[in-house]
Amino acid sequence: MSLRFIGIDPNTGQGESPTVWVDENRGELVIQGWKPDAATEAECARFEVPGHAVGIPDHEQVVRVPARMVPILRKACDVAERAQLR
């Protein structure tokens, strides 16, 4: 695995460190965020997409990141997209 650090929440404090990396070999984003509360997780689990099972599979997890990290996520998307083009 080849993780490239992209950015961390600019308002990071003690115990608060939402972070974004890109796995350049796989062209994937790796996101560290806050665990959602039960209400958020339940709402996500109810979301329906045609052709997909409802719920969050056991091998997946919902995380929260602050909206102020949108520029970091955009940068990560650009890096991941370029990795796919190699």
PDB file of N, CA and C in Angstrom:
ATOM      1  N   MET A   1       0.851  -1.172   0.000  1.00  0.00           N
ATOM      2  CA  MET A   1       0.000   0.000   0.000  1.00  0.00           C
ATOM      3  C   MET A   1       0.894   1.232   0.000  1.00  0.00           C
ATOM      4  N   SER A   2       0.488   2.234  -0.752  1.00  0.00           N
ATOM      5  CA  SER A   2       1.250   3.466  -0.846  1.00  0.00           C
ATOM      6  C   SER A   2       0.332   4.632  -0.504  1.00  0.00           C
ATOM      7  N   LEU A   3       0.235   4.952   0.780  1.00  0.00           N
ATOM      8  CA  LEU A   3      -0.631   6.055   1.193  1.00  0.00           C
ATOM      9  C   LEU A   3       0.096   7.384   1.042  1.00  0.00           C
ATOM     10  N   ARG A   4      -0.613   8.322   0.465  1.00  0.00           N
ATOM     11  CA  ARG A   4      -0.108   9.692   0.345  1.00  0.00           C
ATOM     12  C   ARG A   4      -0.971  10.581   1.225  1.00  0.00           C
ATOM     13  N   PHE A   5      -0.366  11.219   2.212  1.00  0.00           N
ATOM     14  CA  PHE A   5      -1.076  12.140   3.090  1.00  0.00           C
ATOM     15  C   PHE A   5      -1.537  13.338   2.277  1.00  0.00           C
ATOM     16  N   ILE A   6      -2.830  13.678   2.408  1.00  0.00           N
ATOM     17  CA  ILE A   6      -3.377  14.832   1.686  1.00  0.00           C
ATOM     18  C   ILE A   6      -3.631  15.987   2.635  1.00  0.00           C
ATOM     19  N   GLY A   7      -4.274  15.720   3.755  1.00  0.00           N
ATOM     20  CA  GLY A   7      -4.550  16.816   4.676  1.00  0.00           C
ATOM     21  C   GLY A   7      -5.267  16.364   5.921  1.00  0.00           C
ATOM     22  N   ILE A   8      -5.246  17.250   6.910  1.00  0.00           N
ATOM     23  CA  ILE A   8      -5.902  17.015   8.197  1.00  0.00           C
ATOM     24  C   ILE A   8      -6.804  18.205   8.488  1.00  0.00           C
ATOM     25  N   ASP A   9      -7.852  17.981   9.248  1.00  0.00           N
ATOM     26  CA  ASP A   9      -8.779  19.050   9.624  1.00  0.00           C
ATOM     27  C   ASP A   9      -7.982  20.245  10.137  1.00  0.00           C
ATOM     28  N   PRO A  10      -8.153  21.419   9.514  1.00  0.00           N
ATOM     29  CA  PRO A  10      -7.367  22.586   9.931  1.00  0.00           C
ATOM     30  C   PRO A  10      -7.669  23.036  11.358  1.00  0.00           C
ATOM     31  N   ASN A  11      -8.777  22.605  11.921  1.00  0.00           N
ATOM     32  CA  ASN A  11      -9.120  22.975  13.293  1.00  0.00           C
ATOM     33  C   ASN A  11      -8.858  21.833  14.268  1.00  0.00           C
ATOM     34  N   THR A  12      -7.939  20.949  13.911  1.00  0.00           N
ATOM     35  CA  THR A  12      -7.634  19.790  14.739  1.00  0.00           C
ATOM     36  C   THR A  12      -7.196  20.211  16.131  1.00  0.00           C
ATOM     37  N   GLY A  13      -7.762  19.521  17.110  1.00  0.00           N
ATOM     38  CA  GLY A  13      -7.396  19.743  18.507  1.00  0.00           C
ATOM     39  C   GLY A  13      -7.030  18.413  19.125  1.00  0.00           C
ATOM     40  N   GLN A  14      -6.981  18.364  20.425  1.00  0.00           N
ATOM     41  CA  GLN A  14      -6.654  17.124  21.122  1.00  0.00           C
ATOM     42  C   GLN A  14      -7.736  16.078  20.861  1.00  0.00           C
ATOM     43  N   GLY A  15      -7.347  14.932  20.369  1.00  0.00           N
ATOM     44  CA  GLY A  15      -8.297  13.849  20.136  1.00  0.00           C
ATOM     45  C   GLY A  15      -9.207  14.064  18.942  1.00  0.00           C
ATOM     46  N   GLU A  16      -8.960  15.087  18.173  1.00  0.00           N
ATOM     47  CA  GLU A  16      -9.778  15.417  17.003  1.00  0.00           C
ATOM     48  C   GLU A  16      -8.857  15.495  15.801  1.00  0.00           C
ATOM     49  N   SER A  17      -8.898  14.479  14.936  1.00  0.00           N
ATOM     50  CA  SER A  17      -7.955  14.536  13.822  1.00  0.00           C
ATOM     51  C   SER A  17      -8.491  13.902  12.542  1.00  0.00           C
ATOM     52  N   PRO A  18      -9.668  14.338  12.051  1.00  0.00           N
ATOM     53  CA  PRO A  18     -10.102  13.834  10.759  1.00  0.00           C
ATOM     54  C   PRO A  18      -9.001  14.081   9.716  1.00  0.00           C
ATOM     55  N   THR A  19      -8.671  13.034   8.961  1.00  0.00           N
ATOM     56  CA  THR A  19      -7.532  13.067   8.053  1.00  0.00           C
ATOM     57  C   THR A  19      -7.901  12.385   6.746  1.00  0.00           C
ATOM     58  N   VAL A  20      -7.252  12.802   5.659  1.00  0.00           N
ATOM     59  CA  VAL A  20      -7.493  12.202   4.351  1.00  0.00           C
ATOM     60  C   VAL A  20      -6.161  11.794   3.733  1.00  0.00           C
ATOM     61  N   TRP A  21      -6.124  10.568   3.222  1.00  0.00           N
ATOM     62  CA  TRP A  21      -4.994  10.054   2.457  1.00  0.00           C
ATOM     63  C   TRP A  21      -5.527   9.532   1.135  1.00  0.00           C
ATOM     64  N   VAL A  22      -4.626   9.299   0.182  1.00  0.00           N
ATOM     65  CA  VAL A  22      -4.963   8.612  -1.057  1.00  0.00           C
ATOM     66  C   VAL A  22      -4.045   7.405  -1.165  1.00  0.00           C
ATOM     67  N   ASP A  23      -4.634   6.245  -1.446  1.00  0.00           N
ATOM     68  CA  ASP A  23      -3.860   5.055  -1.779  1.00  0.00           C
ATOM     69  C   ASP A  23      -3.632   5.139  -3.280  1.00  0.00           C
ATOM     70  N   GLU A  24      -2.447   5.578  -3.665  1.00  0.00           N
ATOM     71  CA  GLU A  24      -2.161   5.819  -5.084  1.00  0.00           C
ATOM     72  C   GLU A  24      -2.100   4.527  -5.895  1.00  0.00           C
ATOM     73  N   ASN A  25      -1.773   3.416  -5.263  1.00  0.00           N
ATOM     74  CA  ASN A  25      -1.749   2.137  -5.979  1.00  0.00           C
ATOM     75  C   ASN A  25      -3.155   1.676  -6.342  1.00  0.00           C
ATOM     76  N   ARG A  26      -4.104   1.919  -5.461  1.00  0.00           N
ATOM     77  CA  ARG A  26      -5.468   1.453  -5.686  1.00  0.00           C
ATOM     78  C   ARG A  26      -6.393   2.549  -6.204  1.00  0.00           C
ATOM     79  N   GLY A  27      -5.931   3.806  -6.172  1.00  0.00           N
ATOM     80  CA  GLY A  27      -6.774   4.909  -6.608  1.00  0.00           C
ATOM     81  C   GLY A  27      -7.970   5.110  -5.695  1.00  0.00           C
ATOM     82  N   GLU A  28      -7.736   4.972  -4.381  1.00  0.00           N
ATOM     83  CA  GLU A  28      -8.824   5.078  -3.406  1.00  0.00           C
ATOM     84  C   GLU A  28      -8.517   6.143  -2.359  1.00  0.00           C
ATOM     85  N   LEU A  29      -9.574   6.744  -1.832  1.00  0.00           N
ATOM     86  CA  LEU A  29      -9.435   7.674  -0.718  1.00  0.00           C
ATOM     87  C   LEU A  29      -9.492   6.881   0.579  1.00  0.00           C
ATOM     88  N   VAL A  30      -8.685   7.275   1.542  1.00  0.00           N
ATOM     89  CA  VAL A  30      -8.718   6.695   2.884  1.00  0.00           C
ATOM     90  C   VAL A  30      -9.048   7.856   3.813  1.00  0.00           C
ATOM     91  N   ILE A  31     -10.175   7.737   4.524  1.00  0.00           N
ATOM     92  CA  ILE A  31     -10.671   8.852   5.331  1.00  0.00           C
ATOM     93  C   ILE A  31     -10.811   8.433   6.781  1.00  0.00           C
ATOM     94  N   GLN A  32     -10.224   9.229   7.652  1.00  0.00           N
ATOM     95  CA  GLN A  32     -10.395   9.062   9.089  1.00  0.00           C
ATOM     96  C   GLN A  32     -11.345  10.155   9.542  1.00  0.00           C
ATOM     97  N   GLY A  33     -12.366   9.775  10.266  1.00  0.00           N
ATOM     98  CA  GLY A  33     -13.321  10.770  10.738  1.00  0.00           C
ATOM     99  C   GLY A  33     -13.918  10.356  12.068  1.00  0.00           C
ATOM    100  N   TRP A  34     -14.915  11.090  12.481  1.00  0.00           N
ATOM    101  CA  TRP A  34     -15.576  10.794  13.745  1.00  0.00           C
ATOM    102  C   TRP A  34     -16.605   9.693  13.549  1.00  0.00           C
ATOM    103  N   LYS A  35     -16.735   8.840  14.533  1.00  0.00           N
ATOM    104  CA  LYS A  35     -17.784   7.828  14.494  1.00  0.00           C
ATOM    105  C   LYS A  35     -19.126   8.547  14.585  1.00  0.00           C
ATOM    106  N   PRO A  36     -20.095   8.114  13.787  1.00  0.00           N
ATOM    107  CA  PRO A  36     -21.397   8.773  13.841  1.00  0.00           C
ATOM    108  C   PRO A  36     -22.172   8.356  15.083  1.00  0.00           C
ATOM    109  N   ASP A  37     -23.104   9.215  15.488  1.00  0.00           N
ATOM    110  CA  ASP A  37     -23.983   8.817  16.579  1.00  0.00           C
ATOM    111  C   ASP A  37     -25.000   7.807  16.047  1.00  0.00           C
ATOM    112  N   ALA A  38     -25.723   7.183  16.950  1.00  0.00           N
ATOM    113  CA  ALA A  38     -26.662   6.121  16.561  1.00  0.00           C
ATOM    114  C   ALA A  38     -27.738   6.630  15.605  1.00  0.00           C
ATOM    115  N   ALA A  39     -28.204   7.860  15.795  1.00  0.00           N
ATOM    116  CA  ALA A  39     -29.252   8.408  14.928  1.00  0.00           C
ATOM    117  C   ALA A  39     -28.747   8.582  13.492  1.00  0.00           C
ATOM    118  N   THR A  40     -27.521   9.060  13.333  1.00  0.00           N
ATOM    119  CA  THR A  40     -26.950   9.228  11.992  1.00  0.00           C
ATOM    120  C   THR A  40     -26.762   7.877  11.322  1.00  0.00           C
ATOM    121  N   GLU A  41     -26.231   6.921  12.070  1.00  0.00           N
ATOM    122  CA  GLU A  41     -26.008   5.592  11.516  1.00  0.00           C
ATOM    123  C   GLU A  41     -27.335   4.954  11.092  1.00  0.00           C
ATOM    124  N   ALA A  42     -28.362   5.127  11.911  1.00  0.00           N
ATOM    125  CA  ALA A  42     -29.677   4.563  11.585  1.00  0.00           C
ATOM    126  C   ALA A  42     -30.253   5.222  10.335  1.00  0.00           C
ATOM    127  N   GLU A  43     -30.090   6.534  10.213  1.00  0.00           N
ATOM    128  CA  GLU A  43     -30.600   7.228   9.032  1.00  0.00           C
ATOM    129  C   GLU A  43     -29.874   6.763   7.771  1.00  0.00           C
ATOM    130  N   CYS A  44     -28.558   6.611   7.855  1.00  0.00           N
ATOM    131  CA  CYS A  44     -27.791   6.115   6.703  1.00  0.00           C
ATOM    132  C   CYS A  44     -28.226   4.698   6.341  1.00  0.00           C
ATOM    133  N   ALA A  45     -28.508   3.898   7.340  1.00  0.00           N
ATOM    134  CA  ALA A  45     -28.892   2.502   7.109  1.00  0.00           C
ATOM    135  C   ALA A  45     -30.254   2.394   6.424  1.00  0.00           C
ATOM    136  N   ARG A  46     -31.070   3.417   6.549  1.00  0.00           N
ATOM    137  CA  ARG A  46     -32.404   3.399   5.919  1.00  0.00           C
ATOM    138  C   ARG A  46     -32.385   3.896   4.475  1.00  0.00           C
ATOM    139  N   PHE A  47     -31.283   4.522   4.069  1.00  0.00           N
ATOM    140  CA  PHE A  47     -31.180   5.113   2.737  1.00  0.00           C
ATOM    141  C   PHE A  47     -31.300   4.025   1.684  1.00  0.00           C
ATOM    142  N   GLU A  48     -32.170   4.234   0.728  1.00  0.00           N
ATOM    143  CA  GLU A  48     -32.403   3.231  -0.305  1.00  0.00           C
ATOM    144  C   GLU A  48     -31.833   3.681  -1.647  1.00  0.00           C
ATOM    145  N   VAL A  49     -31.120   2.782  -2.279  1.00  0.00           N
ATOM    146  CA  VAL A  49     -30.579   2.984  -3.624  1.00  0.00           C
ATOM    147  C   VAL A  49     -31.096   1.831  -4.462  1.00  0.00           C
ATOM    148  N   PRO A  50     -31.784   2.122  -5.561  1.00  0.00           N
ATOM    149  CA  PRO A  50     -32.311   1.035  -6.389  1.00  0.00           C
ATOM    150  C   PRO A  50     -31.230   0.022  -6.767  1.00  0.00           C
ATOM    151  N   GLY A  51     -31.540  -1.250  -6.568  1.00  0.00           N
ATOM    152  CA  GLY A  51     -30.612  -2.312  -6.929  1.00  0.00           C
ATOM    153  C   GLY A  51     -29.600  -2.664  -5.859  1.00  0.00           C
ATOM    154  N   HIS A  52     -29.675  -2.006  -4.704  1.00  0.00           N
ATOM    155  CA  HIS A  52     -28.744  -2.280  -3.610  1.00  0.00           C
ATOM    156  C   HIS A  52     -29.509  -2.629  -2.345  1.00  0.00           C
ATOM    157  N   ALA A  53     -28.887  -3.440  -1.511  1.00  0.00           N
ATOM    158  CA  ALA A  53     -29.497  -3.785  -0.230  1.00  0.00           C
ATOM    159  C   ALA A  53     -29.538  -2.542   0.659  1.00  0.00           C
ATOM    160  N   VAL A  54     -30.539  -2.460   1.493  1.00  0.00           N
ATOM    161  CA  VAL A  54     -30.650  -1.360   2.458  1.00  0.00           C
ATOM    162  C   VAL A  54     -29.783  -1.711   3.661  1.00  0.00           C
ATOM    163  N   GLY A  55     -29.109  -0.727   4.200  1.00  0.00           N
ATOM    164  CA  GLY A  55     -28.297  -0.949   5.394  1.00  0.00           C
ATOM    165  C   GLY A  55     -26.819  -0.749   5.108  1.00  0.00           C
ATOM    166  N   ILE A  56     -26.040  -0.780   6.175  1.00  0.00           N
ATOM    167  CA  ILE A  56     -24.597  -0.633   6.093  1.00  0.00           C
ATOM    168  C   ILE A  56     -23.995  -2.021   6.293  1.00  0.00           C
ATOM    169  N   PRO A  57     -23.328  -2.560   5.287  1.00  0.00           N
ATOM    170  CA  PRO A  57     -22.745  -3.890   5.428  1.00  0.00           C
ATOM    171  C   PRO A  57     -21.745  -3.941   6.586  1.00  0.00           C
ATOM    172  N   ASP A  58     -21.573  -5.105   7.171  1.00  0.00           N
ATOM    173  CA  ASP A  58     -20.662  -5.268   8.306  1.00  0.00           C
ATOM    174  C   ASP A  58     -19.226  -4.867   7.990  1.00  0.00           C
ATOM    175  N   HIS A  59     -18.833  -4.960   6.729  1.00  0.00           N
ATOM    176  CA  HIS A  59     -17.447  -4.639   6.366  1.00  0.00           C
ATOM    177  C   HIS A  59     -17.269  -3.164   5.982  1.00  0.00           C
ATOM    178  N   GLU A  60     -18.304  -2.346   6.176  1.00  0.00           N
ATOM    179  CA  GLU A  60     -18.227  -0.915   5.857  1.00  0.00           C
ATOM    180  C   GLU A  60     -18.570  -0.085   7.090  1.00  0.00           C
ATOM    181  N   GLN A  61     -18.187   1.200   7.067  1.00  0.00           N
ATOM    182  CA  GLN A  61     -18.432   2.093   8.196  1.00  0.00           C
ATOM    183  C   GLN A  61     -18.711   3.498   7.685  1.00  0.00           C
ATOM    184  N   VAL A  62     -19.653   4.159   8.283  1.00  0.00           N
ATOM    185  CA  VAL A  62     -19.934   5.560   8.010  1.00  0.00           C
ATOM    186  C   VAL A  62     -19.058   6.392   8.943  1.00  0.00           C
ATOM    187  N   VAL A  63     -18.449   7.466   8.420  1.00  0.00           N
ATOM    188  CA  VAL A  63     -17.682   8.393   9.256  1.00  0.00           C
ATOM    189  C   VAL A  63     -18.125   9.810   8.934  1.00  0.00           C
ATOM    190  N   ARG A  64     -17.895  10.696   9.859  1.00  0.00           N
ATOM    191  CA  ARG A  64     -18.197  12.112   9.665  1.00  0.00           C
ATOM    192  C   ARG A  64     -16.887  12.891   9.542  1.00  0.00           C
ATOM    193  N   VAL A  65     -16.870  13.852   8.628  1.00  0.00           N
ATOM    194  CA  VAL A  65     -15.760  14.805   8.537  1.00  0.00           C
ATOM    195  C   VAL A  65     -16.382  16.194   8.408  1.00  0.00           C
ATOM    196  N   PRO A  66     -15.725  17.219   8.936  1.00  0.00           N
ATOM    197  CA  PRO A  66     -16.307  18.551   8.871  1.00  0.00           C
ATOM    198  C   PRO A  66     -16.305  19.113   7.449  1.00  0.00           C
ATOM    199  N   ALA A  67     -17.305  19.906   7.145  1.00  0.00           N
ATOM    200  CA  ALA A  67     -17.429  20.509   5.819  1.00  0.00           C
ATOM    201  C   ALA A  67     -16.230  21.396   5.486  1.00  0.00           C
ATOM    202  N   ARG A  68     -15.550  21.907   6.492  1.00  0.00           N
ATOM    203  CA  ARG A  68     -14.375  22.754   6.223  1.00  0.00           C
ATOM    204  C   ARG A  68     -13.261  21.956   5.544  1.00  0.00           C
ATOM    205  N   MET A  69     -13.396  20.616   5.498  1.00  0.00           N
ATOM    206  CA  MET A  69     -12.389  19.776   4.840  1.00  0.00           C
ATOM    207  C   MET A  69     -12.695  19.549   3.361  1.00  0.00           C
ATOM    208  N   VAL A  70     -13.725  20.194   2.822  1.00  0.00           N
ATOM    209  CA  VAL A  70     -14.075  20.015   1.408  1.00  0.00           C
ATOM    210  C   VAL A  70     -12.875  20.286   0.489  1.00  0.00           C
ATOM    211  N   PRO A  71     -12.090  21.353   0.688  1.00  0.00           N
ATOM    212  CA  PRO A  71     -10.934  21.548  -0.193  1.00  0.00           C
ATOM    213  C   PRO A  71      -9.931  20.391  -0.123  1.00  0.00           C
ATOM    214  N   ILE A  72      -9.754  19.807   1.043  1.00  0.00           N
ATOM    215  CA  ILE A  72      -8.847  18.673   1.203  1.00  0.00           C
ATOM    216  C   ILE A  72      -9.406  17.461   0.471  1.00  0.00           C
ATOM    217  N   LEU A  73     -10.712  17.244   0.582  1.00  0.00           N
ATOM    218  CA  LEU A  73     -11.342  16.123  -0.124  1.00  0.00           C
ATOM    219  C   LEU A  73     -11.262  16.305  -1.635  1.00  0.00           C
ATOM    220  N   ARG A  74     -11.439  17.545  -2.109  1.00  0.00           N
ATOM    221  CA  ARG A  74     -11.296  17.806  -3.550  1.00  0.00           C
ATOM    222  C   ARG A  74      -9.887  17.473  -4.032  1.00  0.00           C
ATOM    223  N   LYS A  75      -8.897  17.888  -3.245  1.00  0.00           N
ATOM    224  CA  LYS A  75      -7.512  17.596  -3.602  1.00  0.00           C
ATOM    225  C   LYS A  75      -7.297  16.081  -3.639  1.00  0.00           C
ATOM    226  N   ALA A  76      -7.835  15.370  -2.650  1.00  0.00           N
ATOM    227  CA  ALA A  76      -7.688  13.911  -2.598  1.00  0.00           C
ATOM    228  C   ALA A  76      -8.353  13.268  -3.808  1.00  0.00           C
ATOM    229  N   CYS A  77      -9.511  13.770  -4.206  1.00  0.00           N
ATOM    230  CA  CYS A  77     -10.189  13.234  -5.390  1.00  0.00           C
ATOM    231  C   CYS A  77      -9.336  13.435  -6.636  1.00  0.00           C
ATOM    232  N   ASP A  78      -8.717  14.598  -6.771  1.00  0.00           N
ATOM    233  CA  ASP A  78      -7.847  14.866  -7.925  1.00  0.00           C
ATOM    234  C   ASP A  78      -6.652  13.918  -7.940  1.00  0.00           C
ATOM    235  N   VAL A  79      -6.029  13.707  -6.779  1.00  0.00           N
ATOM    236  CA  VAL A  79      -4.874  12.813  -6.689  1.00  0.00           C
ATOM    237  C   VAL A  79      -5.293  11.385  -7.033  1.00  0.00           C
ATOM    238  N   ALA A  80      -6.424  10.931  -6.486  1.00  0.00           N
ATOM    239  CA  ALA A  80      -6.905   9.570  -6.761  1.00  0.00           C
ATOM    240  C   ALA A  80      -7.234   9.399  -8.230  1.00  0.00           C
ATOM    241  N   GLU A  81      -7.836  10.415  -8.826  1.00  0.00           N
ATOM    242  CA  GLU A  81      -8.179  10.338 -10.252  1.00  0.00           C
ATOM    243  C   GLU A  81      -6.912  10.235 -11.108  1.00  0.00           C
ATOM    244  N   ARG A  82      -5.897  11.029 -10.775  1.00  0.00           N
ATOM    245  CA  ARG A  82      -4.641  10.954 -11.520  1.00  0.00           C
ATOM    246  C   ARG A  82      -3.991   9.582 -11.354  1.00  0.00           C
ATOM    247  N   ALA A  83      -4.096   8.995 -10.158  1.00  0.00           N
ATOM    248  CA  ALA A  83      -3.532   7.663  -9.924  1.00  0.00           C
ATOM    249  C   ALA A  83      -4.197   6.630 -10.811  1.00  0.00           C
ATOM    250  N   GLN A  84      -5.491   6.780 -11.070  1.00  0.00           N
ATOM    251  CA  GLN A  84      -6.219   5.847 -11.921  1.00  0.00           C
ATOM    252  C   GLN A  84      -5.787   5.977 -13.379  1.00  0.00           C
ATOM    253  N   LEU A  85      -5.286   7.141 -13.769  1.00  0.00           N
ATOM    254  CA  LEU A  85      -4.925   7.398 -15.162  1.00  0.00           C
ATOM    255  C   LEU A  85      -3.542   6.876 -15.527  1.00  0.00           C
ATOM    256  N   ARG A  86      -2.764   6.465 -14.544  1.00  0.00           N
ATOM    257  CA  ARG A  86      -1.410   5.963 -14.827  1.00  0.00           C
ATOM    258  C   ARG A  86      -1.439   4.681 -15.595  1.00  0.00           C
TER     259      ARG A  86
END
